[in-house]
Amino acid sequence: MKSPASAEELRAAIRNIPDFPKPGIQFKDITPVLADPELFAASVDLLIDGFKPGQVDFVVGIDARGFIFAAAAALRLQAGFVPVRKKGKLPFETHEQSYQLEYGTATVAIHTDAVKPGSRVLLMDDLLATGGTAEAAALLLHKVGAKILEAAFLIELQDLKGRARVHQCPVRSLVVY
């Protein structure tokens, strides 16, 4: 059996798409990682490294690609999965947190009954860029009384300084550009 993939193998599989979705953007395409069962499994294992079943109550995934990693991590950790979605996308009563974008604001939401006060939570997304969405999700979790053990990301774009905005908890990134 092949040994588990490393962060360097993940980096090699992530495709760079220049000028997508607009000129000047270097899009990091994770679909090759997701399409390879060994790389996908290794990415989840690396994102939760150091945590064991029973240590985490919920893995919270940020809309939308964060759902992929968070749901798989929740299964591995025998924990619940909770989505943080864009405002208006959840059908039940929600708590909301707004945050600044380059031009305007956005809002994320979580169901009011999704996470109980004192719950031990891992926050997860595919990409940490400017940190606005991750910061809003972390603030939302603090608002409901959760204890964020860590925020974990497959990719971090270091030059955008998003890590500084997610100061509410330790941050783990597997592949840093």
N, C-alpha and C. Protein backbone atom coordinates (compact mmCIF):
# COMPACT_ATOMS: atom_id res chain seq x y z
N MET A 1 0.84 -1.19 0.00
CA MET A 1 0.00 0.00 0.00
C MET A 1 0.88 1.25 0.00
N LYS A 2 0.47 2.25 -0.75
CA LYS A 2 1.21 3.50 -0.84
C LYS A 2 1.13 4.25 0.48
N SER A 3 2.23 4.92 0.85
CA SER A 3 2.22 5.70 2.08
C SER A 3 1.34 6.94 1.90
N PRO A 4 0.86 7.52 3.00
CA PRO A 4 0.00 8.70 2.90
C PRO A 4 0.72 9.84 2.18
N ALA A 5 -0.05 10.62 1.45
CA ALA A 5 0.50 11.75 0.69
C ALA A 5 1.00 12.84 1.63
N SER A 6 1.94 13.59 1.15
CA SER A 6 2.49 14.71 1.91
C SER A 6 1.88 16.01 1.39
N ALA A 7 2.17 17.09 2.12
CA ALA A 7 1.72 18.41 1.68
C ALA A 7 2.33 18.74 0.32
N GLU A 8 3.55 18.30 0.06
CA GLU A 8 4.18 18.57 -1.24
C GLU A 8 3.45 17.84 -2.37
N GLU A 9 2.99 16.63 -2.12
CA GLU A 9 2.22 15.91 -3.13
C GLU A 9 0.88 16.60 -3.39
N LEU A 10 0.28 17.14 -2.33
CA LEU A 10 -0.95 17.90 -2.50
C LEU A 10 -0.69 19.15 -3.34
N ARG A 11 0.41 19.85 -3.03
CA ARG A 11 0.77 21.06 -3.77
C ARG A 11 0.95 20.73 -5.26
N ALA A 12 1.61 19.61 -5.54
CA ALA A 12 1.86 19.22 -6.93
C ALA A 12 0.56 18.92 -7.68
N ALA A 13 -0.46 18.48 -6.97
CA ALA A 13 -1.73 18.12 -7.60
C ALA A 13 -2.65 19.33 -7.81
N ILE A 14 -2.45 20.39 -7.02
CA ILE A 14 -3.30 21.57 -7.14
C ILE A 14 -2.92 22.32 -8.42
N ARG A 15 -3.93 22.51 -9.27
CA ARG A 15 -3.72 23.17 -10.56
C ARG A 15 -3.85 24.68 -10.43
N ASN A 16 -2.97 25.40 -11.08
CA ASN A 16 -3.06 26.85 -11.12
C ASN A 16 -3.74 27.25 -12.44
N ILE A 17 -4.82 28.00 -12.35
CA ILE A 17 -5.55 28.46 -13.53
C ILE A 17 -5.39 29.98 -13.60
N PRO A 18 -4.53 30.47 -14.51
CA PRO A 18 -4.33 31.93 -14.59
C PRO A 18 -5.56 32.65 -15.13
N ASP A 19 -5.77 33.85 -14.60
CA ASP A 19 -6.83 34.76 -15.07
C ASP A 19 -8.24 34.18 -14.93
N PHE A 20 -8.47 33.39 -13.88
CA PHE A 20 -9.81 32.87 -13.59
C PHE A 20 -10.16 33.22 -12.16
N PRO A 21 -11.33 33.76 -11.90
CA PRO A 21 -12.43 34.06 -12.80
C PRO A 21 -12.30 35.39 -13.54
N LYS A 22 -11.21 36.13 -13.25
CA LYS A 22 -11.00 37.39 -13.97
C LYS A 22 -9.50 37.62 -14.10
N PRO A 23 -9.10 38.50 -15.00
CA PRO A 23 -7.68 38.76 -15.22
C PRO A 23 -6.95 39.14 -13.92
N GLY A 24 -5.76 38.56 -13.76
CA GLY A 24 -4.95 38.85 -12.58
C GLY A 24 -5.11 37.87 -11.45
N ILE A 25 -6.17 37.08 -11.46
CA ILE A 25 -6.40 36.08 -10.41
C ILE A 25 -5.73 34.77 -10.83
N GLN A 26 -5.03 34.15 -9.87
CA GLN A 26 -4.42 32.83 -10.08
C GLN A 26 -5.25 31.84 -9.28
N PHE A 27 -6.24 31.22 -9.91
CA PHE A 27 -7.17 30.32 -9.24
C PHE A 27 -6.47 29.01 -8.90
N LYS A 28 -6.63 28.56 -7.67
CA LYS A 28 -6.07 27.29 -7.21
C LYS A 28 -7.17 26.23 -7.32
N ASP A 29 -7.03 25.35 -8.31
CA ASP A 29 -8.03 24.33 -8.61
C ASP A 29 -7.73 23.06 -7.82
N ILE A 30 -8.61 22.72 -6.89
CA ILE A 30 -8.41 21.55 -6.02
C ILE A 30 -9.05 20.28 -6.58
N THR A 31 -9.71 20.36 -7.73
CA THR A 31 -10.41 19.17 -8.24
C THR A 31 -9.48 17.98 -8.50
N PRO A 32 -8.21 18.18 -8.88
CA PRO A 32 -7.34 17.00 -9.01
C PRO A 32 -7.11 16.29 -7.67
N VAL A 33 -7.05 17.04 -6.59
CA VAL A 33 -6.91 16.43 -5.26
C VAL A 33 -8.16 15.62 -4.93
N LEU A 34 -9.33 16.20 -5.19
CA LEU A 34 -10.59 15.51 -4.89
C LEU A 34 -10.79 14.27 -5.75
N ALA A 35 -10.29 14.29 -6.97
CA ALA A 35 -10.47 13.17 -7.90
C ALA A 35 -9.57 11.98 -7.59
N ASP A 36 -8.53 12.20 -6.82
CA ASP A 36 -7.59 11.13 -6.47
C ASP A 36 -7.93 10.65 -5.06
N PRO A 37 -8.46 9.43 -4.91
CA PRO A 37 -8.90 8.98 -3.58
C PRO A 37 -7.80 9.00 -2.53
N GLU A 38 -6.56 8.68 -2.91
CA GLU A 38 -5.47 8.69 -1.93
C GLU A 38 -5.12 10.12 -1.50
N LEU A 39 -5.09 11.05 -2.45
CA LEU A 39 -4.80 12.44 -2.11
C LEU A 39 -5.92 13.06 -1.28
N PHE A 40 -7.15 12.76 -1.67
CA PHE A 40 -8.28 13.30 -0.92
C PHE A 40 -8.27 12.78 0.51
N ALA A 41 -8.08 11.48 0.68
CA ALA A 41 -8.03 10.89 2.02
C ALA A 41 -6.86 11.48 2.82
N ALA A 42 -5.71 11.62 2.18
CA ALA A 42 -4.55 12.18 2.87
C ALA A 42 -4.79 13.63 3.27
N SER A 43 -5.45 14.40 2.42
CA SER A 43 -5.72 15.80 2.76
C SER A 43 -6.60 15.88 4.00
N VAL A 44 -7.62 15.03 4.08
CA VAL A 44 -8.49 15.02 5.26
C VAL A 44 -7.70 14.60 6.49
N ASP A 45 -6.89 13.54 6.35
CA ASP A 45 -6.08 13.08 7.48
C ASP A 45 -5.13 14.17 7.97
N LEU A 46 -4.51 14.90 7.06
CA LEU A 46 -3.60 15.98 7.45
C LEU A 46 -4.34 17.15 8.10
N LEU A 47 -5.55 17.43 7.64
CA LEU A 47 -6.34 18.51 8.22
C LEU A 47 -6.76 18.22 9.66
N ILE A 48 -6.90 16.95 10.00
CA ILE A 48 -7.35 16.59 11.36
C ILE A 48 -6.24 15.97 12.19
N ASP A 49 -5.02 15.98 11.67
CA ASP A 49 -3.90 15.37 12.38
C ASP A 49 -3.81 15.92 13.81
N GLY A 50 -3.70 15.01 14.76
CA GLY A 50 -3.61 15.41 16.17
C GLY A 50 -4.94 15.33 16.90
N PHE A 51 -6.03 15.17 16.18
CA PHE A 51 -7.35 15.04 16.80
C PHE A 51 -7.82 13.60 16.64
N LYS A 52 -8.49 13.10 17.66
CA LYS A 52 -9.01 11.73 17.64
C LYS A 52 -10.52 11.76 17.89
N PRO A 53 -11.22 10.68 17.48
CA PRO A 53 -12.65 10.61 17.79
C PRO A 53 -12.87 10.84 19.29
N GLY A 54 -13.90 11.63 19.58
CA GLY A 54 -14.22 11.96 20.97
C GLY A 54 -13.65 13.29 21.42
N GLN A 55 -12.68 13.85 20.68
CA GLN A 55 -12.09 15.13 21.05
C GLN A 55 -12.77 16.32 20.39
N VAL A 56 -13.57 16.05 19.37
CA VAL A 56 -14.23 17.10 18.59
C VAL A 56 -15.72 16.78 18.54
N ASP A 57 -16.55 17.76 18.84
CA ASP A 57 -18.00 17.55 18.79
C ASP A 57 -18.56 17.81 17.39
N PHE A 58 -18.04 18.88 16.73
CA PHE A 58 -18.54 19.26 15.41
C PHE A 58 -17.38 19.73 14.53
N VAL A 59 -17.47 19.38 13.25
CA VAL A 59 -16.60 19.98 12.25
C VAL A 59 -17.49 20.91 11.44
N VAL A 60 -17.12 22.17 11.43
CA VAL A 60 -17.92 23.20 10.79
C VAL A 60 -17.26 23.55 9.45
N GLY A 61 -18.00 23.38 8.37
CA GLY A 61 -17.49 23.66 7.04
C GLY A 61 -18.06 24.96 6.52
N ILE A 62 -17.18 25.74 5.87
CA ILE A 62 -17.58 27.02 5.30
C ILE A 62 -18.01 26.82 3.85
N ASP A 63 -19.13 27.42 3.50
CA ASP A 63 -19.75 27.36 2.17
C ASP A 63 -18.74 27.75 1.10
N ALA A 64 -18.52 26.97 0.11
CA ALA A 64 -19.12 25.70 -0.23
C ALA A 64 -18.08 24.58 -0.26
N ARG A 65 -16.86 24.88 -0.75
CA ARG A 65 -15.87 23.79 -0.85
C ARG A 65 -15.42 23.31 0.52
N GLY A 66 -15.56 24.13 1.54
CA GLY A 66 -15.24 23.69 2.89
C GLY A 66 -16.11 22.54 3.34
N PHE A 67 -17.32 22.45 2.76
CA PHE A 67 -18.22 21.34 3.10
C PHE A 67 -17.59 20.00 2.76
N ILE A 68 -16.87 19.94 1.65
CA ILE A 68 -16.29 18.68 1.17
C ILE A 68 -15.33 18.12 2.22
N PHE A 69 -14.39 18.97 2.67
CA PHE A 69 -13.38 18.52 3.62
C PHE A 69 -13.96 18.34 5.03
N ALA A 70 -14.84 19.24 5.42
CA ALA A 70 -15.42 19.17 6.77
C ALA A 70 -16.30 17.95 6.95
N ALA A 71 -17.09 17.60 5.94
CA ALA A 71 -17.96 16.42 6.06
C ALA A 71 -17.12 15.15 6.18
N ALA A 72 -16.07 15.05 5.36
CA ALA A 72 -15.19 13.87 5.42
C ALA A 72 -14.46 13.82 6.77
N ALA A 73 -14.01 14.98 7.25
CA ALA A 73 -13.32 15.04 8.54
C ALA A 73 -14.27 14.65 9.68
N ALA A 74 -15.51 15.11 9.60
CA ALA A 74 -16.50 14.77 10.64
C ALA A 74 -16.69 13.25 10.70
N LEU A 75 -16.78 12.61 9.56
CA LEU A 75 -16.91 11.14 9.55
C LEU A 75 -15.70 10.49 10.21
N ARG A 76 -14.50 10.94 9.86
CA ARG A 76 -13.27 10.38 10.42
C ARG A 76 -13.22 10.54 11.94
N LEU A 77 -13.70 11.71 12.41
CA LEU A 77 -13.64 12.03 13.84
C LEU A 77 -14.88 11.60 14.61
N GLN A 78 -15.83 10.97 13.92
CA GLN A 78 -17.10 10.56 14.53
C GLN A 78 -17.75 11.76 15.23
N ALA A 79 -17.74 12.87 14.51
CA ALA A 79 -18.31 14.12 15.00
C ALA A 79 -19.44 14.55 14.07
N GLY A 80 -20.21 15.52 14.51
CA GLY A 80 -21.25 16.07 13.66
C GLY A 80 -20.66 17.02 12.64
N PHE A 81 -21.36 17.21 11.53
CA PHE A 81 -20.99 18.19 10.52
C PHE A 81 -22.00 19.33 10.56
N VAL A 82 -21.50 20.56 10.56
CA VAL A 82 -22.36 21.74 10.58
C VAL A 82 -21.92 22.68 9.45
N PRO A 83 -22.86 23.09 8.59
CA PRO A 83 -22.51 24.05 7.55
C PRO A 83 -22.68 25.50 8.00
N VAL A 84 -21.71 26.33 7.61
CA VAL A 84 -21.87 27.79 7.70
C VAL A 84 -22.10 28.22 6.26
N ARG A 85 -23.26 28.83 6.02
CA ARG A 85 -23.66 29.16 4.65
C ARG A 85 -23.84 30.66 4.48
N LYS A 86 -23.96 31.04 3.22
CA LYS A 86 -24.29 32.42 2.91
C LYS A 86 -25.70 32.72 3.40
N LYS A 87 -25.93 33.95 3.77
CA LYS A 87 -27.23 34.38 4.27
C LYS A 87 -28.34 33.99 3.28
N GLY A 88 -29.44 33.47 3.85
CA GLY A 88 -30.60 33.11 3.04
C GLY A 88 -30.57 31.68 2.50
N LYS A 89 -29.51 30.92 2.77
CA LYS A 89 -29.40 29.56 2.23
C LYS A 89 -29.79 28.47 3.23
N LEU A 90 -29.95 28.82 4.50
CA LEU A 90 -30.35 27.83 5.50
C LEU A 90 -31.84 27.97 5.80
N PRO A 91 -32.57 26.85 5.90
CA PRO A 91 -34.03 26.91 5.99
C PRO A 91 -34.60 27.20 7.38
N PHE A 92 -33.81 27.08 8.43
CA PHE A 92 -34.31 27.23 9.80
C PHE A 92 -33.84 28.57 10.36
N GLU A 93 -34.18 28.86 11.60
CA GLU A 93 -33.73 30.09 12.26
C GLU A 93 -32.20 30.10 12.31
N THR A 94 -31.63 31.29 12.09
CA THR A 94 -30.17 31.38 12.02
C THR A 94 -29.61 32.50 12.89
N HIS A 95 -28.34 32.34 13.25
CA HIS A 95 -27.50 33.43 13.74
C HIS A 95 -26.73 33.89 12.51
N GLU A 96 -26.45 35.19 12.42
CA GLU A 96 -25.76 35.72 11.25
C GLU A 96 -24.59 36.59 11.68
N GLN A 97 -23.61 36.66 10.78
CA GLN A 97 -22.44 37.52 11.00
C GLN A 97 -22.06 38.15 9.67
N SER A 98 -22.04 39.46 9.64
CA SER A 98 -21.64 40.18 8.42
C SER A 98 -20.16 40.50 8.47
N TYR A 99 -19.57 40.68 7.29
CA TYR A 99 -18.15 41.03 7.20
C TYR A 99 -17.92 41.84 5.94
N GLN A 100 -16.80 42.56 5.93
CA GLN A 100 -16.45 43.44 4.83
C GLN A 100 -15.80 42.68 3.68
N LEU A 101 -16.23 43.01 2.48
CA LEU A 101 -15.59 42.54 1.26
C LEU A 101 -14.84 43.73 0.67
N GLU A 102 -14.12 43.51 -0.42
CA GLU A 102 -13.41 44.61 -1.06
C GLU A 102 -14.38 45.73 -1.44
N TYR A 103 -15.55 45.33 -1.97
CA TYR A 103 -16.58 46.30 -2.34
C TYR A 103 -17.92 45.85 -1.75
N GLY A 104 -18.19 46.26 -0.51
CA GLY A 104 -19.45 45.92 0.12
C GLY A 104 -19.30 44.97 1.28
N THR A 105 -20.40 44.28 1.58
CA THR A 105 -20.40 43.35 2.71
C THR A 105 -21.04 42.04 2.28
N ALA A 106 -20.81 41.02 3.09
CA ALA A 106 -21.45 39.72 2.92
C ALA A 106 -21.83 39.23 4.31
N THR A 107 -22.68 38.23 4.35
CA THR A 107 -23.15 37.69 5.63
C THR A 107 -23.16 36.18 5.56
N VAL A 108 -22.68 35.55 6.62
CA VAL A 108 -22.76 34.09 6.75
C VAL A 108 -23.71 33.77 7.90
N ALA A 109 -24.24 32.54 7.86
CA ALA A 109 -25.25 32.14 8.85
C ALA A 109 -25.03 30.70 9.29
N ILE A 110 -25.56 30.41 10.48
CA ILE A 110 -25.55 29.06 11.04
C ILE A 110 -26.90 28.86 11.72
N HIS A 111 -27.43 27.65 11.68
CA HIS A 111 -28.68 27.38 12.38
C HIS A 111 -28.51 27.64 13.87
N THR A 112 -29.55 28.18 14.49
CA THR A 112 -29.48 28.53 15.91
C THR A 112 -29.28 27.31 16.80
N ASP A 113 -29.68 26.15 16.33
CA ASP A 113 -29.55 24.93 17.16
C ASP A 113 -28.42 24.01 16.70
N ALA A 114 -27.55 24.48 15.82
CA ALA A 114 -26.52 23.62 15.23
C ALA A 114 -25.39 23.27 16.19
N VAL A 115 -24.96 24.22 16.98
CA VAL A 115 -23.83 24.03 17.87
C VAL A 115 -24.23 24.53 19.26
N LYS A 116 -24.07 23.69 20.24
CA LYS A 116 -24.42 24.05 21.62
C LYS A 116 -23.26 24.79 22.29
N PRO A 117 -23.55 25.66 23.24
CA PRO A 117 -22.47 26.33 23.98
C PRO A 117 -21.52 25.29 24.58
N GLY A 118 -20.23 25.58 24.50
CA GLY A 118 -19.22 24.68 25.03
C GLY A 118 -18.78 23.58 24.07
N SER A 119 -19.43 23.47 22.92
CA SER A 119 -19.05 22.44 21.94
C SER A 119 -17.64 22.67 21.44
N ARG A 120 -16.91 21.57 21.28
CA ARG A 120 -15.54 21.62 20.74
C ARG A 120 -15.63 21.49 19.22
N VAL A 121 -15.11 22.50 18.53
CA VAL A 121 -15.34 22.63 17.09
C VAL A 121 -14.02 22.77 16.32
N LEU A 122 -13.98 22.12 15.15
CA LEU A 122 -12.95 22.40 14.15
C LEU A 122 -13.64 23.18 13.04
N LEU A 123 -13.05 24.28 12.63
CA LEU A 123 -13.56 25.10 11.53
C LEU A 123 -12.73 24.76 10.31
N MET A 124 -13.37 24.54 9.15
CA MET A 124 -12.64 24.05 7.99
C MET A 124 -13.12 24.69 6.70
N ASP A 125 -12.14 24.98 5.83
CA ASP A 125 -12.43 25.47 4.49
C ASP A 125 -11.30 25.04 3.56
N ASP A 126 -11.54 25.18 2.27
CA ASP A 126 -10.50 24.78 1.32
C ASP A 126 -9.41 25.82 1.19
N LEU A 127 -9.76 27.12 1.39
CA LEU A 127 -8.82 28.19 1.09
C LEU A 127 -8.91 29.31 2.11
N LEU A 128 -7.74 29.75 2.59
CA LEU A 128 -7.65 30.95 3.41
C LEU A 128 -6.96 32.01 2.57
N ALA A 129 -7.70 33.06 2.22
CA ALA A 129 -7.15 34.15 1.40
C ALA A 129 -7.09 35.40 2.28
N THR A 130 -8.06 36.29 2.15
CA THR A 130 -8.05 37.51 2.96
C THR A 130 -8.55 37.26 4.38
N GLY A 131 -9.21 36.15 4.59
CA GLY A 131 -9.65 35.77 5.93
C GLY A 131 -11.00 36.29 6.36
N GLY A 132 -11.67 37.06 5.52
CA GLY A 132 -12.95 37.65 5.92
C GLY A 132 -14.02 36.63 6.24
N THR A 133 -14.18 35.64 5.38
CA THR A 133 -15.21 34.63 5.61
C THR A 133 -14.87 33.77 6.81
N ALA A 134 -13.60 33.38 6.93
CA ALA A 134 -13.19 32.55 8.07
C ALA A 134 -13.34 33.32 9.38
N GLU A 135 -12.98 34.60 9.38
CA GLU A 135 -13.15 35.42 10.57
C GLU A 135 -14.62 35.51 10.95
N ALA A 136 -15.49 35.74 9.97
CA ALA A 136 -16.92 35.84 10.25
C ALA A 136 -17.46 34.52 10.80
N ALA A 137 -17.02 33.40 10.23
CA ALA A 137 -17.46 32.09 10.72
C ALA A 137 -16.98 31.87 12.15
N ALA A 138 -15.75 32.26 12.46
CA ALA A 138 -15.22 32.11 13.81
C ALA A 138 -15.99 33.00 14.79
N LEU A 139 -16.29 34.23 14.39
CA LEU A 139 -17.08 35.12 15.25
C LEU A 139 -18.47 34.54 15.49
N LEU A 140 -19.05 33.96 14.46
CA LEU A 140 -20.36 33.33 14.58
C LEU A 140 -20.32 32.18 15.59
N LEU A 141 -19.27 31.36 15.51
CA LEU A 141 -19.13 30.24 16.45
C LEU A 141 -18.92 30.73 17.87
N HIS A 142 -18.15 31.79 18.05
CA HIS A 142 -17.98 32.37 19.38
C HIS A 142 -19.31 32.92 19.90
N LYS A 143 -20.09 33.51 19.00
CA LYS A 143 -21.39 34.06 19.38
C LYS A 143 -22.31 32.99 19.97
N VAL A 144 -22.22 31.76 19.44
CA VAL A 144 -23.07 30.67 19.94
C VAL A 144 -22.40 29.90 21.07
N GLY A 145 -21.20 30.34 21.50
CA GLY A 145 -20.56 29.74 22.66
C GLY A 145 -19.70 28.53 22.37
N ALA A 146 -19.33 28.31 21.11
CA ALA A 146 -18.48 27.16 20.77
C ALA A 146 -17.03 27.46 21.13
N LYS A 147 -16.28 26.39 21.38
CA LYS A 147 -14.83 26.49 21.60
C LYS A 147 -14.15 26.01 20.33
N ILE A 148 -13.55 26.92 19.59
CA ILE A 148 -12.89 26.55 18.34
C ILE A 148 -11.50 26.02 18.67
N LEU A 149 -11.30 24.74 18.41
CA LEU A 149 -10.02 24.10 18.68
C LEU A 149 -8.98 24.51 17.64
N GLU A 150 -9.43 24.68 16.39
CA GLU A 150 -8.52 25.02 15.31
C GLU A 150 -9.33 25.38 14.07
N ALA A 151 -8.73 26.21 13.22
CA ALA A 151 -9.27 26.46 11.88
C ALA A 151 -8.27 25.83 10.92
N ALA A 152 -8.76 24.96 10.04
CA ALA A 152 -7.88 24.21 9.15
C ALA A 152 -8.26 24.47 7.69
N PHE A 153 -7.22 24.66 6.86
CA PHE A 153 -7.40 25.00 5.45
C PHE A 153 -6.47 24.14 4.60
N LEU A 154 -6.96 23.70 3.45
CA LEU A 154 -6.12 22.98 2.51
C LEU A 154 -5.04 23.93 1.97
N ILE A 155 -5.44 25.15 1.60
CA ILE A 155 -4.55 26.12 0.96
C ILE A 155 -4.60 27.45 1.72
N GLU A 156 -3.44 28.09 1.83
CA GLU A 156 -3.39 29.46 2.35
C GLU A 156 -2.61 30.32 1.37
N LEU A 157 -3.16 31.45 1.02
CA LEU A 157 -2.48 32.45 0.19
C LEU A 157 -1.86 33.47 1.14
N GLN A 158 -0.63 33.22 1.53
CA GLN A 158 0.04 33.93 2.61
C GLN A 158 0.12 35.44 2.39
N ASP A 159 0.34 35.88 1.16
CA ASP A 159 0.48 37.31 0.88
C ASP A 159 -0.79 38.10 1.18
N LEU A 160 -1.95 37.43 1.25
CA LEU A 160 -3.20 38.13 1.51
C LEU A 160 -3.48 38.30 3.01
N LYS A 161 -2.62 37.72 3.85
CA LYS A 161 -2.61 37.93 5.30
C LYS A 161 -3.92 37.55 6.01
N GLY A 162 -4.62 36.55 5.49
CA GLY A 162 -5.86 36.12 6.11
C GLY A 162 -5.69 35.51 7.49
N ARG A 163 -4.55 34.90 7.73
CA ARG A 163 -4.29 34.26 9.04
C ARG A 163 -4.44 35.27 10.18
N ALA A 164 -4.04 36.52 9.96
CA ALA A 164 -4.13 37.54 11.00
C ALA A 164 -5.57 37.83 11.40
N ARG A 165 -6.50 37.62 10.48
CA ARG A 165 -7.92 37.89 10.79
C ARG A 165 -8.57 36.74 11.55
N VAL A 166 -7.98 35.56 11.47
CA VAL A 166 -8.54 34.39 12.18
C VAL A 166 -7.73 34.21 13.46
N HIS A 167 -7.75 35.23 14.29
CA HIS A 167 -6.95 35.27 15.51
C HIS A 167 -7.66 34.59 16.69
N GLN A 168 -8.89 34.14 16.48
CA GLN A 168 -9.67 33.56 17.57
C GLN A 168 -9.23 32.14 17.92
N CYS A 169 -8.34 31.54 17.10
CA CYS A 169 -7.98 30.14 17.30
C CYS A 169 -6.69 29.83 16.54
N PRO A 170 -6.07 28.70 16.84
CA PRO A 170 -4.91 28.28 16.04
C PRO A 170 -5.35 28.01 14.60
N VAL A 171 -4.43 28.24 13.64
CA VAL A 171 -4.71 28.04 12.23
C VAL A 171 -3.73 27.01 11.67
N ARG A 172 -4.27 26.07 10.88
CA ARG A 172 -3.45 25.06 10.19
C ARG A 172 -3.73 25.20 8.69
N SER A 173 -2.67 25.27 7.91
CA SER A 173 -2.78 25.27 6.45
C SER A 173 -1.83 24.22 5.92
N LEU A 174 -2.31 23.41 4.99
CA LEU A 174 -1.49 22.32 4.45
C LEU A 174 -0.54 22.79 3.36
N VAL A 175 -1.03 23.62 2.45
CA VAL A 175 -0.24 24.11 1.33
C VAL A 175 -0.28 25.63 1.36
N VAL A 176 0.90 26.24 1.50
CA VAL A 176 0.98 27.70 1.60
C VAL A 176 1.66 28.24 0.34
N TYR A 177 0.99 29.20 -0.29
CA TYR A 177 1.54 29.90 -1.45
C TYR A 177 1.89 31.31 -1.05
